[in-house]
Amino acid sequence: MTNAEPEGSFEDYNLLRPLSSVEMALVTQGWEKEPHAHGRAQLMLSLRGLISCEVASGLWLVPSQHALWIPPGILHSVRCVGEVELTCLFIDEALIEGLPDQCRTISIAPLLRELILAVSRLPPLYDEAGTPAPLIQTMLNELRSAPIEQRHMPLPADRRLRKIADAWAADPADRATTGIWASRIGMSERTLSRLVLHETGMPFGQWRQQFQIMLALERLTRGLAVQVVATDLGYESPSAFIAMFRKALGESPSRYLARHGPKASR
């Protein structure tokens, strides 16, 4: 069931069984896949590197030893940052009861990781009634109980808020206040605060911080120094950036990279 894919190719070719897999080897310059959708659910396990996935409602980041869950039929684009190695399972709708109906970043424990890899190595025409069946079922059971990670940046539908997000992406160091942004897009500060909370489920400050966390993770994974990232994001000092990072993710950038940075995957 494992198909060794060349760079730039990443499709589910095997529809003869309810579960199939694709692997992508190391890509040193990164890799992108334009918006597309699959008829099956997709579980993308990052063995090395960082994956970002954008859908209409938001952006998800998937560091190494995490996985991205994409339900069937969801239009999405994928980008891999730096040195990347991943395994992807395509799972028929008949097998995904109890799994999320929206995209999610999932923390993968060592047991679940090994189960996913074992399932990915099954032959293309595995015996559905034989020993693969309990292996697949055990993997799905573990997946249903796996912790969901907060690696999500909501992208609002409102065009005025999209304008703010686009501006942050173009100039992450812009530290304009809520009041300044309200003036820029032609509404009151109170209205802007309410609109952001309604569209993203977050206060304005948290929404901006989440955006900066996403940008920081991408830059750190590409190997940029903490001081460079702090400057890029408009922080007065590396220590201020590190404090924000630790508060948001529970660990310093160096500790995060030690756990999630490039490493041998197998």
Protein backbone atom coordinates (compact mmCIF):
# COMPACT_ATOMS: atom_id res chain seq x y z
CA MET A 1 0.00 0.00 0.00
CA THR A 2 2.99 2.32 0.28
CA ASN A 3 3.78 4.24 -2.88
CA ALA A 4 7.13 6.04 -3.17
CA GLU A 5 6.20 9.39 -4.72
CA PRO A 6 8.52 11.73 -6.60
CA GLU A 7 8.64 15.39 -5.61
CA GLY A 8 5.52 17.29 -6.71
CA SER A 9 3.28 14.21 -6.88
CA PHE A 10 0.91 13.45 -4.06
CA GLU A 11 -2.30 11.66 -4.96
CA ASP A 12 -4.33 8.69 -3.79
CA TYR A 13 -3.96 6.22 -6.65
CA ASN A 14 -5.28 3.09 -4.96
CA LEU A 15 -9.07 2.91 -4.59
CA LEU A 16 -9.23 -0.89 -4.44
CA ARG A 17 -9.16 -0.95 -0.65
CA PRO A 18 -10.81 1.34 1.93
CA LEU A 19 -7.41 2.58 3.08
CA SER A 20 -4.29 3.43 1.08
CA SER A 21 -1.13 5.45 1.59
CA VAL A 22 1.39 7.70 -0.11
CA GLU A 23 4.84 8.64 1.12
CA MET A 24 6.92 11.68 0.22
CA ALA A 25 10.66 11.56 0.69
CA LEU A 26 12.89 14.41 1.82
CA VAL A 27 12.26 17.68 -0.04
CA THR A 28 15.06 20.11 0.71
CA GLN A 29 13.50 23.19 -0.91
CA GLY A 30 9.95 22.67 0.30
CA TRP A 31 6.90 21.61 -1.69
CA GLU A 32 3.49 23.05 -2.52
CA LYS A 33 0.19 21.63 -3.69
CA GLU A 34 -2.42 23.97 -5.14
CA PRO A 35 -6.03 23.91 -3.82
CA HIS A 36 -7.57 20.49 -4.31
CA ALA A 37 -9.88 18.01 -2.57
CA HIS A 38 -10.03 14.25 -2.08
CA GLY A 39 -13.01 11.93 -2.01
CA ARG A 40 -11.55 10.25 1.07
CA ALA A 41 -10.41 11.55 4.44
CA GLN A 42 -6.70 12.32 4.62
CA LEU A 43 -4.30 11.84 7.53
CA MET A 44 -0.96 13.52 6.84
CA LEU A 45 1.78 12.57 9.32
CA SER A 46 4.84 14.82 9.38
CA LEU A 47 7.90 12.70 10.11
CA ARG A 48 10.25 15.60 9.48
CA GLY A 49 9.70 19.29 8.82
CA LEU A 50 6.67 21.57 8.93
CA ILE A 51 3.43 21.31 6.94
CA SER A 52 0.94 24.15 6.53
CA CYS A 53 -2.56 23.62 5.21
CA GLU A 54 -5.01 26.35 4.23
CA VAL A 55 -8.76 25.95 3.84
CA ALA A 56 -11.46 28.61 3.54
CA SER A 57 -11.86 28.91 7.30
CA GLY A 58 -8.25 28.96 8.41
CA LEU A 59 -4.64 27.89 8.35
CA TRP A 60 -3.24 24.86 10.18
CA LEU A 61 0.40 24.15 11.04
CA VAL A 62 1.69 20.62 11.48
CA PRO A 63 5.17 20.25 13.03
CA SER A 64 7.07 16.96 12.98
CA GLN A 65 5.54 14.10 14.97
CA HIS A 66 2.10 15.63 14.48
CA ALA A 67 -0.54 14.89 11.88
CA LEU A 68 -3.09 16.86 9.92
CA TRP A 69 -6.61 15.45 9.62
CA ILE A 70 -8.58 16.57 6.52
CA PRO A 71 -12.17 15.29 6.12
CA PRO A 72 -13.41 14.15 2.69
CA GLY A 73 -14.27 16.79 0.12
CA ILE A 74 -12.52 19.71 1.88
CA LEU A 75 -10.82 22.07 -0.59
CA HIS A 76 -7.33 22.72 0.74
CA SER A 77 -3.83 23.71 -0.28
CA VAL A 78 -0.68 22.29 1.30
CA ARG A 79 2.80 23.71 1.71
CA CYS A 80 5.82 21.94 3.18
CA VAL A 81 8.60 24.04 4.70
CA GLY A 82 12.27 23.08 4.57
CA GLU A 83 13.36 19.46 4.89
CA VAL A 84 10.18 17.43 4.85
CA GLU A 85 9.29 13.77 5.06
CA LEU A 86 5.72 12.64 5.45
CA THR A 87 3.31 9.75 5.20
CA CYS A 88 -0.30 10.21 4.18
CA LEU A 89 -3.20 7.81 4.64
CA PHE A 90 -6.39 8.08 2.57
CA ILE A 91 -9.32 6.61 4.48
CA ASP A 92 -12.76 5.72 3.16
CA GLU A 93 -15.78 7.41 4.77
CA ALA A 94 -16.99 4.02 6.02
CA LEU A 95 -14.06 3.92 8.48
CA ILE A 96 -14.05 7.47 9.89
CA GLU A 97 -17.05 7.54 12.21
CA GLY A 98 -16.17 9.47 15.37
CA LEU A 99 -13.31 11.37 13.74
CA PRO A 100 -13.44 15.18 13.28
CA ASP A 101 -15.60 16.70 10.56
CA GLN A 102 -13.20 19.66 10.25
CA CYS A 103 -9.46 20.00 9.70
CA ARG A 104 -7.44 19.40 12.84
CA THR A 105 -3.79 19.23 13.90
CA ILE A 106 -3.33 16.09 16.00
CA SER A 107 -0.56 15.26 18.47
CA ILE A 108 0.84 11.83 17.61
CA ALA A 109 2.07 9.67 20.49
CA PRO A 110 4.80 7.08 19.77
CA LEU A 111 2.30 4.19 19.73
CA LEU A 112 0.01 5.92 17.24
CA ARG A 113 2.99 6.90 15.10
CA GLU A 114 4.12 3.28 14.84
CA LEU A 115 0.56 2.15 14.07
CA ILE A 116 0.27 4.69 11.25
CA LEU A 117 3.62 3.61 9.81
CA ALA A 118 2.67 -0.08 10.08
CA VAL A 119 -0.61 0.55 8.27
CA SER A 120 1.19 2.55 5.59
CA ARG A 121 3.42 -0.46 4.85
CA LEU A 122 0.58 -2.86 4.15
CA PRO A 123 0.52 -4.21 0.58
CA PRO A 124 -1.80 -2.41 -1.88
CA LEU A 125 -4.24 -5.32 -1.99
CA TYR A 126 -4.12 -6.25 1.68
CA ASP A 127 -6.54 -8.92 2.95
CA GLU A 128 -9.50 -6.95 4.32
CA ALA A 129 -10.66 -9.95 6.37
CA GLY A 130 -7.19 -10.95 7.59
CA THR A 131 -4.66 -9.62 10.08
CA PRO A 132 -4.58 -6.05 8.65
CA ALA A 133 -8.17 -5.48 9.84
CA PRO A 134 -7.43 -5.33 13.61
CA LEU A 135 -4.25 -3.31 12.94
CA ILE A 136 -6.25 -0.68 11.04
CA GLN A 137 -8.99 -0.68 13.67
CA THR A 138 -6.50 -0.20 16.50
CA MET A 139 -4.91 2.72 14.64
CA LEU A 140 -8.32 4.35 14.12
CA ASN A 141 -9.23 3.87 17.79
CA GLU A 142 -5.98 5.53 18.89
CA LEU A 143 -6.56 8.33 16.39
CA ARG A 144 -10.03 9.05 17.79
CA SER A 145 -8.60 9.63 21.27
CA ALA A 146 -5.48 11.55 20.19
CA PRO A 147 -5.12 15.13 21.56
CA ILE A 148 -6.05 18.02 19.28
CA GLU A 149 -3.36 20.73 19.07
CA GLN A 150 -4.05 24.47 18.93
CA ARG A 151 -2.06 25.11 15.76
CA HIS A 152 -4.89 26.92 13.98
CA MET A 153 -5.12 30.44 12.61
CA PRO A 154 -8.76 31.35 11.81
CA LEU A 155 -9.18 33.18 8.49
CA PRO A 156 -12.36 35.26 8.62
CA ALA A 157 -14.81 35.51 5.73
CA ASP A 158 -15.27 39.28 6.16
CA ARG A 159 -13.21 41.05 3.47
CA ARG A 160 -12.19 43.83 5.87
CA LEU A 161 -10.68 41.35 8.31
CA ARG A 162 -9.02 39.49 5.45
CA LYS A 163 -7.39 42.81 4.58
CA ILE A 164 -5.86 42.90 8.07
CA ALA A 165 -4.60 39.32 7.78
CA ASP A 166 -3.07 40.06 4.36
CA ALA A 167 -1.36 43.15 5.79
CA TRP A 168 0.10 41.12 8.68
CA ALA A 169 1.46 38.57 6.21
CA ALA A 170 3.05 41.37 4.14
CA ASP A 171 4.47 43.19 7.18
CA PRO A 172 4.55 41.01 10.32
CA ALA A 173 6.39 43.74 12.23
CA ASP A 174 3.40 46.11 12.06
CA ARG A 175 2.36 46.59 15.70
CA ALA A 176 -0.66 48.82 15.01
CA THR A 177 -3.28 48.77 17.78
CA THR A 178 -6.90 47.71 17.42
CA GLY A 179 -7.87 51.39 17.26
CA ILE A 180 -5.43 52.10 14.43
CA TRP A 181 -6.66 49.09 12.46
CA ALA A 182 -10.27 50.14 13.01
CA SER A 183 -9.44 53.52 11.50
CA ARG A 184 -7.62 51.93 8.57
CA ILE A 185 -10.58 49.77 7.56
CA GLY A 186 -13.25 52.33 8.33
CA MET A 187 -15.06 51.20 11.47
CA SER A 188 -15.09 51.88 15.19
CA GLU A 189 -12.71 50.05 17.50
CA ARG A 190 -15.65 48.50 19.33
CA THR A 191 -17.18 47.23 16.08
CA LEU A 192 -13.85 45.79 14.97
CA SER A 193 -13.38 43.98 18.28
CA ARG A 194 -16.87 42.48 18.07
CA LEU A 195 -16.42 41.46 14.44
CA VAL A 196 -13.09 39.74 15.08
CA LEU A 197 -14.54 37.82 18.03
CA HIS A 198 -17.59 36.77 15.97
CA GLU A 199 -15.56 35.67 12.93
CA THR A 200 -12.58 34.00 14.64
CA GLY A 201 -13.77 33.15 18.16
CA MET A 202 -10.79 35.12 19.51
CA PRO A 203 -10.21 38.65 20.82
CA PHE A 204 -8.23 40.85 18.42
CA GLY A 205 -4.99 40.57 20.41
CA GLN A 206 -5.16 36.77 20.55
CA TRP A 207 -5.94 36.56 16.84
CA ARG A 208 -2.84 38.65 16.03
CA GLN A 209 -0.70 36.60 18.44
CA GLN A 210 -1.89 33.36 16.83
CA PHE A 211 -0.92 34.76 13.45
CA GLN A 212 2.54 35.64 14.74
CA ILE A 213 2.98 32.20 16.28
CA MET A 214 2.26 30.65 12.87
CA LEU A 215 4.81 32.93 11.19
CA ALA A 216 7.37 32.28 13.94
CA LEU A 217 7.05 28.50 13.66
CA GLU A 218 7.55 28.64 9.92
CA ARG A 219 10.63 30.85 10.19
CA LEU A 220 12.19 28.86 13.03
CA THR A 221 11.66 25.60 11.14
CA ARG A 222 13.48 27.14 8.16
CA GLY A 223 16.47 27.69 10.43
CA LEU A 224 16.26 31.43 11.10
CA ALA A 225 17.78 32.58 14.39
CA VAL A 226 15.49 33.62 17.24
CA GLN A 227 16.86 37.17 17.10
CA VAL A 228 16.04 37.42 13.38
CA VAL A 229 12.53 36.06 13.90
CA ALA A 230 11.93 38.45 16.81
CA THR A 231 12.96 41.41 14.65
CA ASP A 232 10.88 40.20 11.68
CA LEU A 233 7.80 40.06 13.90
CA GLY A 234 8.34 43.49 15.40
CA TYR A 235 9.46 42.57 18.93
CA GLU A 236 11.73 45.00 20.73
CA SER A 237 14.02 42.22 21.94
CA PRO A 238 14.50 38.46 21.57
CA SER A 239 13.53 38.03 25.23
CA ALA A 240 10.12 39.65 24.59
CA PHE A 241 9.55 37.29 21.66
CA ILE A 242 10.67 34.25 23.70
CA ALA A 243 8.28 35.23 26.51
CA MET A 244 5.36 35.42 24.04
CA PHE A 245 6.34 32.11 22.46
CA ARG A 246 6.61 30.35 25.82
CA LYS A 247 3.28 31.73 26.99
CA ALA A 248 1.54 30.59 23.80
CA LEU A 249 3.14 27.15 23.37
CA GLY A 250 4.38 26.32 26.85
CA GLU A 251 8.06 26.10 25.93
CA SER A 252 10.89 28.25 24.58
CA PRO A 253 11.77 28.33 20.85
CA SER A 254 14.96 26.34 21.50
CA ARG A 255 13.11 23.61 23.36
CA TYR A 256 10.42 23.54 20.69
CA LEU A 257 13.02 23.10 17.94
CA ALA A 258 14.77 20.39 19.95
CA ARG A 259 11.52 18.41 19.98
CA HIS A 260 10.08 19.30 16.57
CA GLY A 261 13.02 20.36 14.41
CA PRO A 262 14.54 18.30 11.56
CA LYS A 263 15.56 14.84 12.69
CA ALA A 264 15.92 11.29 11.43
CA SER A 265 12.39 9.96 11.09
CA ARG A 266 12.83 6.20 11.17
